[in-house]
Protein backbone atom coordinates (compact mmCIF):
# COMPACT_ATOMS: atom_id res chain seq x y z
CA UNK A 1 17.22 80.02 76.50
CA UNK A 2 14.49 78.40 78.26
CA UNK A 3 13.62 75.58 75.89
CA UNK A 4 16.99 74.18 75.67
CA UNK A 5 16.77 72.86 79.94
CA UNK A 6 14.45 70.44 77.39
CA UNK A 7 17.41 67.27 76.91
CA UNK A 8 14.55 65.07 74.06
CA UNK A 9 15.06 65.55 70.93
CA UNK A 10 12.28 66.75 68.82
CA UNK A 11 13.26 65.57 65.81
CA UNK A 12 15.37 62.52 64.66
CA UNK A 13 16.65 60.87 61.16
CA UNK A 14 18.57 58.26 61.58
CA UNK A 15 20.11 56.78 58.29
CA UNK A 16 17.92 58.45 55.85
CA UNK A 17 17.89 57.87 52.43
CA UNK A 18 16.74 58.83 48.93
CA UNK A 19 17.45 57.97 45.62
CA UNK A 20 16.60 59.41 42.35
CA UNK A 21 17.23 57.43 38.70
CA UNK A 22 20.13 59.87 38.34
CA UNK A 23 21.41 61.14 41.56
CA UNK A 24 21.59 59.51 45.45
CA UNK A 25 19.67 63.15 47.02
CA UNK A 26 20.39 61.80 50.52
CA UNK A 27 22.58 58.91 51.89
CA UNK A 28 22.25 57.44 55.29
CA UNK A 29 21.73 60.77 56.63
CA UNK A 30 21.68 61.48 60.53
CA UNK A 31 20.45 64.15 61.78
CA UNK A 32 19.02 65.83 65.83
CA UNK A 33 17.33 69.02 66.36
CA UNK A 34 16.62 69.32 70.29
CA UNK A 35 13.33 72.09 71.19
CA UNK A 36 14.42 75.97 70.79
CA UNK A 37 17.24 75.14 68.85
CA UNK A 38 18.51 76.97 65.64
CA UNK A 39 19.96 74.51 63.21
CA UNK A 40 21.44 75.17 59.96
CA UNK A 41 21.45 72.68 57.16
CA UNK A 42 24.46 73.67 55.11
CA UNK A 43 25.95 72.48 51.61
CA UNK A 44 26.63 72.83 48.27
CA UNK A 45 23.68 73.40 45.37
CA UNK A 46 22.42 69.64 44.88
CA UNK A 47 24.32 68.53 48.25
CA UNK A 48 21.10 67.10 49.12
CA UNK A 49 19.68 69.88 51.68
CA UNK A 50 16.11 70.91 50.17
CA UNK A 51 15.53 67.01 49.83
CA UNK A 52 16.00 66.36 53.46
CA UNK A 53 14.06 69.13 54.00
CA UNK A 54 10.71 67.99 52.09
CA UNK A 55 11.20 64.46 53.32
CA UNK A 56 10.51 66.33 57.24
CA UNK A 57 7.95 67.94 55.78
CA UNK A 58 6.39 65.10 53.73
CA UNK A 59 6.35 66.33 50.35
CA UNK A 60 8.99 63.32 49.95
CA UNK A 61 8.82 60.19 50.92
CA UNK A 62 12.69 58.32 51.88
CA UNK A 63 13.69 54.90 50.76
CA UNK A 64 15.34 54.10 53.87
CA UNK A 65 15.43 55.24 57.71
CA UNK A 66 13.52 56.41 60.21
CA UNK A 67 12.31 59.72 61.47
CA UNK A 68 11.69 60.28 65.04
CA UNK A 69 9.35 63.36 66.16
CA UNK A 70 9.41 63.71 70.34
CA UNK A 71 11.01 60.53 70.77
CA UNK A 72 8.19 58.64 68.53
CA UNK A 73 8.82 56.97 65.42
CA UNK A 74 6.47 58.68 62.94
CA UNK A 75 5.57 57.95 59.12
CA UNK A 76 5.14 61.73 57.72
CA UNK A 77 2.93 60.93 54.80
CA UNK A 78 2.39 64.31 53.39
CA UNK A 79 2.29 68.04 53.99
CA UNK A 80 -0.69 67.91 55.68
CA UNK A 81 0.31 65.26 58.24
CA UNK A 82 3.93 67.06 58.91
CA UNK A 83 1.26 70.13 59.86
CA UNK A 84 -0.87 67.84 62.54
CA UNK A 85 2.60 67.13 64.08
CA UNK A 86 3.32 70.79 64.24
CA UNK A 87 5.87 71.09 61.57
CA UNK A 88 5.65 73.94 58.47
CA UNK A 89 7.92 75.06 56.24
CA UNK A 90 8.98 78.12 54.14
CA UNK A 91 10.02 76.82 50.57
CA UNK A 92 12.73 78.40 48.48
CA UNK A 93 10.29 78.23 45.15
CA UNK A 94 7.34 80.16 45.66
CA UNK A 95 3.57 77.95 45.80
CA UNK A 96 1.35 81.02 45.34
CA UNK A 97 -1.60 81.51 42.47
CA UNK A 98 -0.66 85.04 40.69
CA UNK A 99 -3.85 85.56 40.52
CA UNK A 100 -5.49 85.26 43.54
CA UNK A 101 -5.40 87.75 46.55
CA UNK A 102 -2.59 87.22 49.44
CA UNK A 103 -5.34 86.29 51.61
CA UNK A 104 -6.49 84.02 49.20
CA UNK A 105 -3.69 82.43 48.67
CA UNK A 106 -2.62 81.96 52.96
CA UNK A 107 -6.85 80.59 52.79
CA UNK A 108 -5.86 77.82 50.27
CA UNK A 109 -2.72 76.84 52.59
CA UNK A 110 -4.58 76.08 55.88
CA UNK A 111 -6.00 72.74 56.64
CA UNK A 112 -8.96 74.94 58.32
CA UNK A 113 -11.28 76.33 56.34
CA UNK A 114 -10.99 80.15 57.29
CA UNK A 115 -12.32 82.77 54.81
CA UNK A 116 -10.14 85.05 53.19
CA UNK A 117 -11.79 88.05 54.89
CA UNK A 118 -12.16 86.52 58.35
CA UNK A 119 -8.04 85.54 57.75
CA UNK A 120 -7.22 89.24 56.67
CA UNK A 121 -6.77 90.87 60.09
CA UNK A 122 -4.79 87.97 61.21
CA UNK A 123 -2.56 88.09 58.57
CA UNK A 124 -1.85 91.87 59.15
CA UNK A 125 -1.47 91.67 62.73
CA UNK A 126 1.26 88.70 62.26
CA UNK A 127 2.93 90.66 59.43
CA UNK A 128 3.46 93.65 61.26
CA UNK A 129 4.27 91.24 64.48
CA UNK A 130 7.02 89.76 62.43
CA UNK A 131 8.15 92.67 60.68
CA UNK A 132 7.32 91.42 56.97
CA UNK A 133 3.84 93.63 56.53
CA UNK A 134 2.02 92.19 53.64
CA UNK A 135 -1.65 93.62 52.39
CA UNK A 136 -3.89 90.70 52.70
CA UNK A 137 -6.04 92.81 49.58
CA UNK A 138 -2.72 92.79 47.62
CA UNK A 139 -3.19 90.39 44.14
CA UNK A 140 0.34 88.19 43.90
CA UNK A 141 0.93 88.56 40.31
CA UNK A 142 1.50 92.43 41.59
CA UNK A 143 4.13 91.65 44.01
CA UNK A 144 7.84 91.67 43.49
CA UNK A 145 9.70 88.53 44.33
CA UNK A 146 11.01 90.22 47.89
CA UNK A 147 7.08 90.16 48.54
CA UNK A 148 6.00 87.24 47.99
CA UNK A 149 8.63 85.54 50.04
CA UNK A 150 7.23 87.65 52.95
CA UNK A 151 3.61 86.30 52.29
CA UNK A 152 5.14 82.55 52.87
CA UNK A 153 7.13 83.62 55.54
CA UNK A 154 3.44 84.39 56.84
CA UNK A 155 1.45 81.71 55.57
CA UNK A 156 4.06 79.32 57.44
CA UNK A 157 4.41 81.30 60.94
CA UNK A 158 0.30 81.88 61.52
CA UNK A 159 0.04 78.05 61.80
CA UNK A 160 2.51 78.19 65.59
CA UNK A 161 4.40 75.58 64.32
CA UNK A 162 7.07 73.81 66.77
CA UNK A 163 9.47 72.81 64.14
CA UNK A 164 9.70 75.29 61.48
CA UNK A 165 11.94 74.80 58.56
CA UNK A 166 13.19 77.71 56.33
CA UNK A 167 14.32 77.29 52.81
CA UNK A 168 16.79 80.05 51.90
CA UNK A 169 13.84 82.96 53.60
CA UNK A 170 15.92 85.90 53.15
CA UNK A 171 17.20 85.59 49.99
CA UNK A 172 15.85 88.73 48.58
CA UNK A 173 14.45 90.49 51.57
CA UNK A 174 16.18 93.61 52.84
CA UNK A 175 18.80 93.66 55.34
CA UNK A 176 16.38 95.34 57.65
CA UNK A 177 13.79 92.77 56.91
CA UNK A 178 16.37 90.11 57.46
CA UNK A 179 17.45 91.75 61.07
CA UNK A 180 13.63 91.75 62.23
CA UNK A 181 13.04 88.03 61.03
CA UNK A 182 15.75 86.74 63.04
CA UNK A 183 14.73 89.23 66.09
CA UNK A 184 11.41 87.13 65.62
CA UNK A 185 12.99 83.13 65.09
CA UNK A 186 15.06 83.90 68.45
CA UNK A 187 11.22 85.12 70.11
CA UNK A 188 10.33 81.77 68.68
CA UNK A 189 13.27 79.73 69.86
CA UNK A 190 13.07 81.15 73.65
CA UNK A 191 9.57 80.11 72.83
CA UNK A 192 10.54 76.35 72.60
CA UNK A 193 10.06 76.60 68.46
CA UNK A 194 12.90 74.43 66.71
CA UNK A 195 14.18 75.79 63.54
CA UNK A 196 16.06 73.89 60.58
CA UNK A 197 17.18 76.80 58.37
CA UNK A 198 18.96 76.50 55.15
CA UNK A 199 20.89 79.51 53.87
CA UNK A 200 23.83 80.14 51.58
CA UNK A 201 24.65 83.60 53.60
CA UNK A 202 26.87 82.35 56.13
CA UNK A 203 27.40 85.27 58.29
CA UNK A 204 23.71 84.88 58.40
CA UNK A 205 24.20 81.62 59.59
CA UNK A 206 26.81 82.55 62.03
CA UNK A 207 24.80 85.05 63.81
CA UNK A 208 21.90 83.51 64.20
CA UNK A 209 22.48 79.25 64.43
CA UNK A 210 23.09 77.80 67.42
CA UNK A 211 24.55 74.08 65.39
CA UNK A 212 25.16 73.46 61.55
CA UNK A 213 24.91 69.94 59.97
CA UNK A 214 27.16 70.54 56.88
CA UNK A 215 25.85 68.36 53.91
CA UNK A 216 28.35 66.97 51.00
CA UNK A 217 27.10 65.09 47.60
CA UNK A 218 24.11 64.06 49.44
CA UNK A 219 26.04 62.55 52.54
CA UNK A 220 26.47 63.74 56.06
CA UNK A 221 30.29 65.30 55.77
CA UNK A 222 30.40 66.62 59.81
CA UNK A 223 28.89 69.39 62.46
CA UNK A 224 29.98 72.60 63.91
CA UNK A 225 29.04 75.75 65.85
CA UNK A 226 28.70 78.11 63.86
CA UNK A 227 29.83 80.68 66.10
CA UNK A 228 33.05 79.08 66.26
CA UNK A 229 34.19 79.07 62.98
CA UNK A 230 34.96 81.34 59.85
CA UNK A 231 32.71 82.40 56.98
CA UNK A 232 35.81 80.68 55.15
CA UNK A 233 35.86 77.58 56.99
CA UNK A 234 32.25 76.86 56.83
CA UNK A 235 32.55 77.09 52.78
CA UNK A 236 35.52 74.83 52.63
CA UNK A 237 33.95 72.43 55.12
CA UNK A 238 30.99 72.59 52.22
CA UNK A 239 33.13 72.48 49.29
CA UNK A 240 35.50 69.96 50.75
CA UNK A 241 38.46 72.48 49.52
CA UNK A 242 39.96 75.94 49.75
CA UNK A 243 36.70 78.87 48.96
CA UNK A 244 37.57 79.94 45.12
CA UNK A 245 37.87 83.74 44.70
CA UNK A 246 36.92 86.62 41.48
CA UNK A 247 38.93 88.80 40.58
CA UNK A 248 38.03 92.42 39.19
CA UNK A 249 41.24 94.31 37.78
CA UNK A 250 40.71 98.26 36.59
CA UNK A 251 40.32 98.36 32.55
CA UNK A 252 38.89 101.29 30.23
CA UNK A 253 35.55 101.00 29.23
CA UNK A 254 34.69 101.28 24.93
CA UNK A 255 32.18 102.78 23.72
CA UNK A 256 28.48 103.14 24.80
CA UNK A 257 26.63 99.56 24.10
CA UNK A 258 23.36 100.18 26.07
CA UNK A 259 21.65 103.97 27.51
CA UNK A 260 18.75 104.44 29.09
CA UNK A 261 17.71 108.27 27.67
CA UNK A 262 14.82 110.19 29.98
CA UNK A 263 12.50 106.76 30.26
CA UNK A 264 9.81 107.82 32.16
CA UNK A 265 7.06 104.66 32.51
CA UNK A 266 3.74 104.93 34.29
CA UNK A 267 2.50 102.32 35.80
CA UNK A 268 -1.26 100.95 35.58
CA UNK A 269 -0.52 98.60 38.26
CA UNK A 270 -1.87 100.18 41.42
CA UNK A 271 0.80 98.41 43.64
CA UNK A 272 3.35 99.07 40.44
CA UNK A 273 6.85 101.66 40.44
CA UNK A 274 6.10 104.40 37.96
CA UNK A 275 9.68 105.14 36.78
CA UNK A 276 10.79 108.67 36.78
CA UNK A 277 13.74 110.50 34.22
CA UNK A 278 15.53 107.08 34.60
CA UNK A 279 18.97 108.18 32.91
CA UNK A 280 22.28 105.59 32.67
CA UNK A 281 25.07 104.79 30.12
CA UNK A 282 26.62 101.62 30.31
CA UNK A 283 30.23 101.21 28.32
CA UNK A 284 31.59 97.98 27.12
CA UNK A 285 34.27 96.32 29.11
CA UNK A 286 32.25 97.80 32.65
CA UNK A 287 29.37 96.51 34.74
CA UNK A 288 26.75 99.29 36.51
CA UNK A 289 25.79 97.78 39.48
CA UNK A 290 21.99 99.03 40.78
CA UNK A 291 20.86 98.43 43.68
CA UNK A 292 17.55 99.03 45.90
CA UNK A 293 15.02 98.06 47.78
CA UNK A 294 12.62 94.96 46.21
CA UNK A 295 9.69 96.65 45.08
CA UNK A 296 11.27 100.09 44.24
CA UNK A 297 11.00 99.89 40.46
CA UNK A 298 12.85 96.74 39.69
CA UNK A 299 10.42 95.14 37.94
CA UNK A 300 9.42 97.75 35.49
CA UNK A 301 12.40 98.75 34.66
CA UNK A 302 14.17 94.73 33.52
CA UNK A 303 11.12 94.61 31.72
CA UNK A 304 11.50 97.93 29.51
CA UNK A 305 15.16 96.94 29.20
CA UNK A 306 14.13 92.81 28.41
CA UNK A 307 11.43 94.15 25.59
CA UNK A 308 8.50 92.78 27.98
CA UNK A 309 7.39 96.37 27.81
CA UNK A 310 7.27 98.04 24.94
CA UNK A 311 8.17 101.94 25.22
CA UNK A 312 6.54 104.89 22.73
CA UNK A 313 9.78 106.65 23.05
CA UNK A 314 12.00 104.29 20.66
CA UNK A 315 15.03 106.17 22.49
CA UNK A 316 14.53 105.94 25.71
CA UNK A 317 16.62 102.51 24.98
CA UNK A 318 19.17 102.33 22.77
CA UNK A 319 21.41 99.08 22.29
CA UNK A 320 24.76 99.63 20.79
CA UNK A 321 23.59 102.95 18.93
CA UNK A 322 19.79 101.13 18.05
CA UNK A 323 16.84 102.72 19.06
CA UNK A 324 15.15 99.72 20.65
CA UNK A 325 12.26 100.84 22.68
CA UNK A 326 10.04 100.02 20.15
CA UNK A 327 11.44 96.08 19.85
CA UNK A 328 10.09 92.45 20.69
CA UNK A 329 12.69 90.31 23.09
CA UNK A 330 13.65 88.67 20.25
CA UNK A 331 14.80 91.75 17.92
CA UNK A 332 16.64 92.68 20.88
CA UNK A 333 18.62 89.45 21.48
CA UNK A 334 19.22 90.73 17.37
CA UNK A 335 20.64 93.02 19.08
CA UNK A 336 23.33 91.26 21.13
CA UNK A 337 21.38 91.55 24.36
CA UNK A 338 21.04 88.54 26.51
CA UNK A 339 18.95 88.19 29.73
CA UNK A 340 19.16 86.62 33.45
CA UNK A 341 15.54 87.16 34.94
CA UNK A 342 15.04 87.63 38.47
CA UNK A 343 12.31 84.92 38.66
CA UNK A 344 14.64 81.37 37.76
CA UNK A 345 11.14 79.05 36.96
CA UNK A 346 8.65 80.96 34.39
CA UNK A 347 10.93 83.68 32.95
CA UNK A 348 14.23 81.66 32.83
CA UNK A 349 13.28 78.37 31.97
CA UNK A 350 10.44 76.57 31.33
CA UNK A 351 10.22 74.05 34.48
CA UNK A 352 8.63 71.08 31.95
CA UNK A 353 10.94 71.58 29.11
CA UNK A 354 14.71 69.92 28.98
CA UNK A 355 17.63 71.80 29.79
CA UNK A 356 18.84 71.00 26.15
CA UNK A 357 15.55 72.77 25.31
CA UNK A 358 15.73 75.28 27.10
CA UNK A 359 19.17 76.67 25.31
CA UNK A 360 17.60 76.54 22.24
CA UNK A 361 14.66 78.81 23.35
CA UNK A 362 17.12 81.69 23.90
CA UNK A 363 20.12 80.30 21.69
CA UNK A 364 18.02 81.47 18.41
CA UNK A 365 20.36 84.49 17.67
CA UNK A 366 23.38 85.46 15.53
CA UNK A 367 26.57 83.77 17.09
CA UNK A 368 24.69 80.34 17.21
CA UNK A 369 21.72 80.23 14.46
CA UNK A 370 23.88 78.86 11.98
CA UNK A 371 24.42 75.38 14.18
CA UNK A 372 21.36 75.36 16.73
CA UNK A 373 19.18 75.86 13.65
CA UNK A 374 19.40 74.91 9.60
CA UNK A 375 17.13 76.21 6.89
CA UNK A 376 14.25 75.78 9.51
CA UNK A 377 15.14 72.71 11.14
CA UNK A 378 16.58 72.09 14.44
CA UNK A 379 20.03 70.92 15.16
CA UNK A 380 20.01 68.61 18.19
CA UNK A 381 23.09 67.43 18.41
CA UNK A 382 24.50 71.15 18.66
CA UNK A 383 21.71 72.44 20.83
CA UNK A 384 22.80 69.07 23.73
CA UNK A 385 26.02 70.09 22.70
CA UNK A 386 25.91 73.85 23.96
CA UNK A 387 23.73 72.55 26.89
CA UNK A 388 26.04 70.47 27.91
CA UNK A 389 28.83 72.69 27.40
CA UNK A 390 26.68 74.81 29.79
CA UNK A 391 26.31 71.80 32.59
CA UNK A 392 30.28 71.14 32.22
CA UNK A 393 31.52 74.47 32.33
CA UNK A 394 29.39 75.87 35.50
CA UNK A 395 29.35 72.20 37.29
CA UNK A 396 25.51 72.18 37.54
CA UNK A 397 24.28 68.80 39.35
CA UNK A 398 21.77 67.86 37.61
CA UNK A 399 21.42 63.93 34.83
CA UNK A 400 22.63 65.31 32.08
CA UNK A 401 20.77 67.55 29.29
CA UNK A 402 17.88 65.41 29.24
CA UNK A 403 16.48 66.50 32.66
CA UNK A 404 13.72 69.23 32.97
CA UNK A 405 14.65 72.75 34.57
CA UNK A 406 11.95 71.75 37.14
CA UNK A 407 13.79 68.79 38.15
CA UNK A 408 16.99 71.08 39.46
CA UNK A 409 17.51 72.45 42.67
CA UNK A 410 17.45 76.33 42.99
CA UNK A 411 20.96 76.81 42.31
CA UNK A 412 21.92 74.88 39.81
CA UNK A 413 19.47 75.51 37.93
CA UNK A 414 20.43 79.87 38.22
CA UNK A 415 24.01 78.17 37.30
CA UNK A 416 22.44 76.66 34.26
CA UNK A 417 20.48 80.06 33.35
CA UNK A 418 23.42 82.08 33.91
CA UNK A 419 25.96 79.95 31.91
CA UNK A 420 23.61 79.88 28.79
CA UNK A 421 23.25 83.59 28.70
CA UNK A 422 26.81 84.15 29.08
CA UNK A 423 27.89 81.61 26.37
CA UNK A 424 25.67 83.48 23.67
CA UNK A 425 27.78 85.90 22.69
CA UNK A 426 26.48 88.80 24.21
CA UNK A 427 27.53 92.62 23.59
CA UNK A 428 25.12 93.30 25.96
CA UNK A 429 23.75 91.31 29.15
CA UNK A 430 21.37 92.48 32.27
CA UNK A 431 21.18 90.13 34.57
CA UNK A 432 18.80 90.15 38.02
CA UNK A 433 19.63 88.66 41.50
CA UNK A 434 22.74 86.49 39.70
CA UNK A 435 23.23 84.60 42.53
CA UNK A 436 20.10 84.29 44.70
CA UNK A 437 19.86 80.75 46.34
CA UNK A 438 23.17 79.74 45.11
CA UNK A 439 26.17 77.98 47.64
CA UNK A 440 28.95 80.61 48.30
CA UNK A 441 31.14 78.54 45.57
CA UNK A 442 29.30 78.64 42.96
CA UNK A 443 28.24 82.14 43.72
CA UNK A 444 31.88 82.78 43.06
CA UNK A 445 32.20 81.17 39.86
CA UNK A 446 29.07 83.18 38.75
CA UNK A 447 30.43 86.37 39.74
CA UNK A 448 33.87 85.36 37.81
CA UNK A 449 32.24 84.36 34.74
CA UNK A 450 30.11 87.55 34.89
CA UNK A 451 33.34 89.16 34.95
CA UNK A 452 35.50 87.84 32.25
CA UNK A 453 32.62 88.91 30.16
CA UNK A 454 33.40 92.44 31.00
CA UNK A 455 36.98 91.72 30.54
CA UNK A 456 36.16 90.82 26.57
CA UNK A 457 34.51 93.82 26.31
CA UNK A 458 31.12 92.94 27.42
CA UNK A 459 28.55 96.26 28.80
CA UNK A 460 26.78 94.66 31.69
CA UNK A 461 24.04 95.39 34.09
CA UNK A 462 23.95 93.70 37.27
CA UNK A 463 20.98 94.28 40.11
CA UNK A 464 21.09 92.89 43.26
CA UNK A 465 20.37 92.91 46.52
CA UNK A 466 23.07 91.65 47.77
CA UNK A 467 25.01 94.99 48.54
CA UNK A 468 28.94 92.83 49.40
CA UNK A 469 28.45 91.49 46.05
CA UNK A 470 27.82 94.79 43.93
CA UNK A 471 31.09 96.18 45.48
CA UNK A 472 32.61 92.67 44.39
CA UNK A 473 31.63 92.88 40.68
CA UNK A 474 30.57 96.67 39.61
CA UNK A 475 32.92 99.12 38.19
CA UNK A 476 30.31 102.06 39.12
CA UNK A 477 26.90 101.94 40.97
CA UNK A 478 23.49 103.37 41.11
CA UNK A 479 20.57 102.73 43.23
CA UNK A 480 16.92 102.58 42.25
CA UNK A 481 14.48 103.98 45.46
CA UNK A 482 10.22 104.97 44.59
CA UNK A 483 11.54 104.79 40.66
CA UNK A 484 14.05 107.18 40.74
CA UNK A 485 17.64 106.40 39.36
CA UNK A 486 20.73 107.92 40.96
CA UNK A 487 23.48 108.87 39.67
CA UNK A 488 26.21 105.82 39.14
CA UNK A 489 29.31 106.34 40.79
CA UNK A 490 32.74 104.16 40.74
CA UNK A 491 33.32 101.79 43.53
CA UNK A 492 36.63 103.24 44.55
CA UNK A 493 34.62 106.40 45.49
CA UNK A 494 31.56 104.96 47.50
CA UNK A 495 30.62 102.46 50.25
CA UNK A 496 27.94 100.66 51.66
CA UNK A 497 27.01 103.19 54.29
CA UNK A 498 26.42 105.57 51.15
CA UNK A 499 24.88 103.40 48.93
CA UNK A 500 22.22 102.31 51.79
CA UNK A 501 21.75 105.99 52.47
CA UNK A 502 20.42 106.21 49.05
CA UNK A 503 18.60 103.41 49.18
CA UNK A 504 16.23 105.27 51.01
CA UNK A 505 15.73 107.36 48.03
CA UNK A 506 17.72 110.20 49.72
CA UNK A 507 19.63 110.82 46.77
CA UNK A 508 20.90 114.59 47.58
CA UNK A 509 23.31 112.67 50.41
CA UNK A 510 26.78 113.63 50.85
CA UNK A 511 28.88 110.69 49.66
CA UNK A 512 31.68 110.15 51.92
CA UNK A 513 34.04 106.93 51.07
CA UNK A 514 34.41 106.42 55.07
CA UNK A 515 36.26 104.39 57.07
CA UNK A 516 34.35 100.97 55.80
CA UNK A 517 36.75 99.97 52.43
CA UNK A 518 34.20 98.54 49.85
CA UNK A 519 36.07 94.91 48.70
CA UNK A 520 35.31 94.77 45.39
CA UNK A 521 38.43 93.11 44.58
CA UNK A 522 38.45 89.30 46.01
CA UNK A 523 36.01 87.65 48.13
């Protein structure tokens, strides 16, 4: 790359540290990023990656160390100061106002005052240029998680950064959008833009990045050339031990626990997806995976199952043989229904409440009611014990059960939410994007926990945009496209290529297992 001829670093961190009351987030970390370099920062959830990036972007003030920007020492006091230097950042957790349009959100995020109407053509042009199309006039609340991710990326690209920080930028993008984004990032790097790239998808790191810096427990544990490493060796550098695996053994499923019968659900949202003739049965002791490109009806289906959307046809959703289409979310939990939503903050957990209080919010179900609440009184000790059991079992890195949910890294909060739901003795479990933003070791832990539930007789539905994940942990797989659901086929009789064809909506294409054997038995 032309830009790599330059020999002076764009960014250097020297001995940077950040200490919080309950954790040392960064401990004397050194980092050097060259012009035109795509530099990965790897580590487990809670290793200090996001804190380090926030220090560079001016969100967090370091307690010690130096920041050298293009040869001179700087103090980056705010994101505005970072942007003036030429630093842009795409955050893992979105910072969008749901009741505003895309153009209004981006206008608010820019340092210069540009009216949304004037900005709209630039948004459309840049989004199309980088293969991340967004409608500037669309209201954010109507967008899927994947579509919101595009908005965040486009917002940052509009600022023409000289250093672009990307924290899990592809976690909810389609494979096609990821490839297009990579083309754009390589072009930016060739033009001299430096890129700091955080991702738990090690195949992406190997494909895209020139260098990797590995953090473990807040400390620098080493550097590597990702192209000269395997995914397993990179993972083991991150976790400091052998990579765990998960195992799905064949078993005979039992009775039908979750049934969707002729579900037709019109949408009043002009950007929503109408569900058409959805039919699916999930039996006790099996995992059914649903693949699909974001925005094809996943949100509508999840809300119909969770009770956030009530149905006119009571029998359109049945839980353990009971008509449940008209039941509220708490009534569905009384039927043994547990749920891990796609959005961690706001739906999966209340950011300003402690982990213990978040456990109580969904723990008021028959299996734990007698422990958590007695005679209308909250049993604080039992609630905290439950929360601490989840923290211990799922290795959630936090300051304990009193930590606010919003203080956890994205991956650690995901581990807590999944752990909380799995410990509620569900009969039926629906999980959306189970390992979004979670490191590879924790991903295996979460997947194995879900498989263990299946082996205990729970009926489980998993919606994920990670095809490798679905093939690893599903007994059967279906595809949702444009509000329609394909038939669910055994994993052994299909392939990733075939599922990819169905994701385009062509359910009539013949199913050929192909030479590409799905590997669902091990990591």
